[in-house]
Amino acid sequence: MIFRLRNYLPTAALAFLVFFFAFHALTGPRGLLMQRQRAEQLADRQAELKRLTAERARLENEVRYLRNDNLSSDLLEERAHRLLGFVDPRDYVIRETPSKG
C-alpha cells in the first residue's frame, strides 16, 4: 500500500503545483480575469494625467506672466482682486445674486 502511494506522490505534487499556478494565473491580482479592471483603471489614470497636464500647462502660463520680465498688469490686478479682495476705486463692481432655480 505504501509502495503505491510513493509512486503517485510526485504526480500528485506536480498536479497540485499546476493547479496552484493555474488558479493564480486566472484569479490573481494580475490574472486574466482582472484584465478588464486593469484596462479601466489605466483609462481612468490616463484621463487624470491628461487633465493634470493641462492644469500644469495653464499654471505655467500664468506663472510666466507673473514674472518680473513679463509682468502683466492685468493678470496681476486680477490676482490681487481674487486673493485680497481689493479693487481699483475707478472700477465698477457688479454683484450678482445666485439664482434659485
C-alpha atoms as a PDB file:
ATOM      1  CA  MET A   1       0.000   0.000   0.000  1.00  0.00           C
ATOM      2  CA  ILE A   2       2.758   2.468   0.925  1.00  0.00           C
ATOM      3  CA  PHE A   3       4.624   1.463  -2.218  1.00  0.00           C
ATOM      4  CA  ARG A   4       1.644   2.508  -4.371  1.00  0.00           C
ATOM      5  CA  LEU A   5       1.402   5.913  -2.619  1.00  0.00           C
ATOM      6  CA  ARG A   6       5.089   6.554  -3.252  1.00  0.00           C
ATOM      7  CA  ASN A   7       4.511   6.021  -6.967  1.00  0.00           C
ATOM      8  CA  TYR A   8       1.724   8.634  -7.093  1.00  0.00           C
ATOM      9  CA  LEU A   9       3.285  11.204  -4.760  1.00  0.00           C
ATOM     10  CA  PRO A  10       5.379  13.041  -7.411  1.00  0.00           C
ATOM     11  CA  THR A  11       2.402  13.060  -9.787  1.00  0.00           C
ATOM     12  CA  ALA A  12       0.120  14.436  -7.068  1.00  0.00           C
ATOM     13  CA  ALA A  13       2.660  17.116  -6.127  1.00  0.00           C
ATOM     14  CA  LEU A  14       3.050  18.126  -9.764  1.00  0.00           C
ATOM     15  CA  ALA A  15      -0.738  18.214 -10.246  1.00  0.00           C
ATOM     16  CA  PHE A  16      -1.062  20.392  -7.140  1.00  0.00           C
ATOM     17  CA  LEU A  17       1.582  22.832  -8.455  1.00  0.00           C
ATOM     18  CA  VAL A  18      -0.099  23.013 -11.865  1.00  0.00           C
ATOM     19  CA  PHE A  19      -3.473  23.678 -10.224  1.00  0.00           C
ATOM     20  CA  PHE A  20      -1.974  26.280  -7.869  1.00  0.00           C
ATOM     21  CA  PHE A  21      -0.284  28.273 -10.626  1.00  0.00           C
ATOM     22  CA  ALA A  22      -3.264  27.975 -12.999  1.00  0.00           C
ATOM     23  CA  PHE A  23      -5.623  29.191 -10.271  1.00  0.00           C
ATOM     24  CA  HIS A  24      -3.471  32.243  -9.540  1.00  0.00           C
ATOM     25  CA  ALA A  25      -2.926  32.936 -13.245  1.00  0.00           C
ATOM     26  CA  LEU A  26      -6.677  33.276 -13.595  1.00  0.00           C
ATOM     27  CA  THR A  27      -7.757  34.896 -10.330  1.00  0.00           C
ATOM     28  CA  GLY A  28      -4.665  36.665  -9.000  1.00  0.00           C
ATOM     29  CA  PRO A  29      -4.220  40.453  -8.924  1.00  0.00           C
ATOM     30  CA  ARG A  30      -2.519  40.286 -12.334  1.00  0.00           C
ATOM     31  CA  GLY A  31      -4.566  37.359 -13.596  1.00  0.00           C
ATOM     32  CA  LEU A  32      -6.594  37.046 -16.749  1.00  0.00           C
ATOM     33  CA  LEU A  33      -9.895  37.739 -15.008  1.00  0.00           C
ATOM     34  CA  MET A  34      -8.625  41.102 -13.716  1.00  0.00           C
ATOM     35  CA  GLN A  35      -7.613  42.327 -17.182  1.00  0.00           C
ATOM     36  CA  ARG A  36     -10.782  44.383 -17.742  1.00  0.00           C
ATOM     37  CA  GLN A  37     -10.447  46.086 -14.362  1.00  0.00           C
ATOM     38  CA  ARG A  38      -6.804  46.941 -15.098  1.00  0.00           C
ATOM     39  CA  ALA A  39      -7.782  48.370 -18.505  1.00  0.00           C
ATOM     40  CA  GLU A  40     -10.468  50.562 -16.902  1.00  0.00           C
ATOM     41  CA  GLN A  41      -8.039  51.711 -14.243  1.00  0.00           C
ATOM     42  CA  LEU A  42      -5.468  52.541 -16.925  1.00  0.00           C
ATOM     43  CA  ALA A  43      -8.033  54.582 -18.882  1.00  0.00           C
ATOM     44  CA  ASP A  44      -9.004  56.476 -15.710  1.00  0.00           C
ATOM     45  CA  ARG A  45      -5.396  57.248 -14.889  1.00  0.00           C
ATOM     46  CA  GLN A  46      -4.650  58.365 -18.452  1.00  0.00           C
ATOM     47  CA  ALA A  47      -7.621  60.756 -18.307  1.00  0.00           C
ATOM     48  CA  GLU A  48      -6.381  62.086 -14.975  1.00  0.00           C
ATOM     49  CA  LEU A  49      -2.869  62.518 -16.415  1.00  0.00           C
ATOM     50  CA  LYS A  50      -4.296  64.458 -19.362  1.00  0.00           C
ATOM     51  CA  ARG A  51      -6.294  66.703 -17.006  1.00  0.00           C
ATOM     52  CA  LEU A  52      -3.280  67.306 -14.751  1.00  0.00           C
ATOM     53  CA  THR A  53      -1.034  68.034 -17.738  1.00  0.00           C
ATOM     54  CA  ALA A  54      -3.490  70.668 -18.976  1.00  0.00           C
ATOM     55  CA  GLU A  55      -3.728  72.148 -15.470  1.00  0.00           C
ATOM     56  CA  ARG A  56       0.061  72.286 -15.226  1.00  0.00           C
ATOM     57  CA  ALA A  57       0.338  73.997 -18.621  1.00  0.00           C
ATOM     58  CA  ARG A  58      -2.263  76.571 -17.530  1.00  0.00           C
ATOM     59  CA  LEU A  59      -0.428  77.244 -14.262  1.00  0.00           C
ATOM     60  CA  GLU A  60       2.950  77.515 -16.013  1.00  0.00           C
ATOM     61  CA  ASN A  61       1.452  80.019 -18.444  1.00  0.00           C
ATOM     62  CA  GLU A  62       0.029  82.068 -15.565  1.00  0.00           C
ATOM     63  CA  VAL A  63       3.340  81.982 -13.693  1.00  0.00           C
ATOM     64  CA  ARG A  64       5.194  83.093 -16.824  1.00  0.00           C
ATOM     65  CA  TYR A  65       3.076  86.274 -16.929  1.00  0.00           C
ATOM     66  CA  LEU A  66       3.685  86.972 -13.230  1.00  0.00           C
ATOM     67  CA  ARG A  67       7.483  87.005 -13.521  1.00  0.00           C
ATOM     68  CA  ASN A  68       9.319  90.328 -13.403  1.00  0.00           C
ATOM     69  CA  ASP A  69      10.467  90.260 -17.026  1.00  0.00           C
ATOM     70  CA  ASN A  70       6.940  89.559 -18.399  1.00  0.00           C
ATOM     71  CA  LEU A  71       4.760  91.160 -15.752  1.00  0.00           C
ATOM     72  CA  SER A  72       1.198  91.535 -16.985  1.00  0.00           C
ATOM     73  CA  SER A  73      -0.578  94.279 -15.084  1.00  0.00           C
ATOM     74  CA  ASP A  74      -4.000  92.884 -15.970  1.00  0.00           C
ATOM     75  CA  LEU A  75      -3.146  89.459 -14.592  1.00  0.00           C
ATOM     76  CA  LEU A  76      -1.532  90.982 -11.507  1.00  0.00           C
ATOM     77  CA  GLU A  77      -4.632  93.095 -10.867  1.00  0.00           C
ATOM     78  CA  GLU A  78      -6.893  90.081 -11.331  1.00  0.00           C
ATOM     79  CA  ARG A  79      -4.840  88.025  -8.863  1.00  0.00           C
ATOM     80  CA  ALA A  80      -4.846  90.855  -6.284  1.00  0.00           C
ATOM     81  CA  HIS A  81      -8.590  91.192  -6.620  1.00  0.00           C
ATOM     82  CA  ARG A  82      -9.157  87.445  -6.303  1.00  0.00           C
ATOM     83  CA  LEU A  83      -6.765  86.876  -3.381  1.00  0.00           C
ATOM     84  CA  LEU A  84      -7.060  90.096  -1.407  1.00  0.00           C
ATOM     85  CA  GLY A  85     -10.452  91.417  -2.413  1.00  0.00           C
ATOM     86  CA  PHE A  86      -9.014  94.799  -3.465  1.00  0.00           C
ATOM     87  CA  VAL A  87     -10.302  96.681  -6.496  1.00  0.00           C
ATOM     88  CA  ASP A  88      -9.348  99.924  -8.155  1.00  0.00           C
ATOM     89  CA  PRO A  89     -11.535 102.804  -6.911  1.00  0.00           C
ATOM     90  CA  ARG A  90     -12.354 103.632 -10.535  1.00  0.00           C
ATOM     91  CA  ASP A  91     -13.695 100.117 -11.232  1.00  0.00           C
ATOM     92  CA  TYR A  92     -17.371  99.340 -11.349  1.00  0.00           C
ATOM     93  CA  VAL A  93     -18.312  96.370  -9.210  1.00  0.00           C
ATOM     94  CA  ILE A  94     -21.465  94.481 -10.131  1.00  0.00           C
ATOM     95  CA  ARG A  95     -22.582  91.974  -7.562  1.00  0.00           C
ATOM     96  CA  GLU A  96     -24.591  89.048  -8.724  1.00  0.00           C
ATOM     97  CA  THR A  97     -27.062  87.172  -6.588  1.00  0.00           C
ATOM     98  CA  PRO A  98     -27.152  83.422  -7.195  1.00  0.00           C
ATOM     99  CA  SER A  99     -30.263  82.209  -8.965  1.00  0.00           C
ATOM    100  CA  LYS A 100     -32.577  79.911  -7.016  1.00  0.00           C
ATOM    101  CA  GLY A 101     -33.514  77.618  -9.867  1.00  0.00           C
END
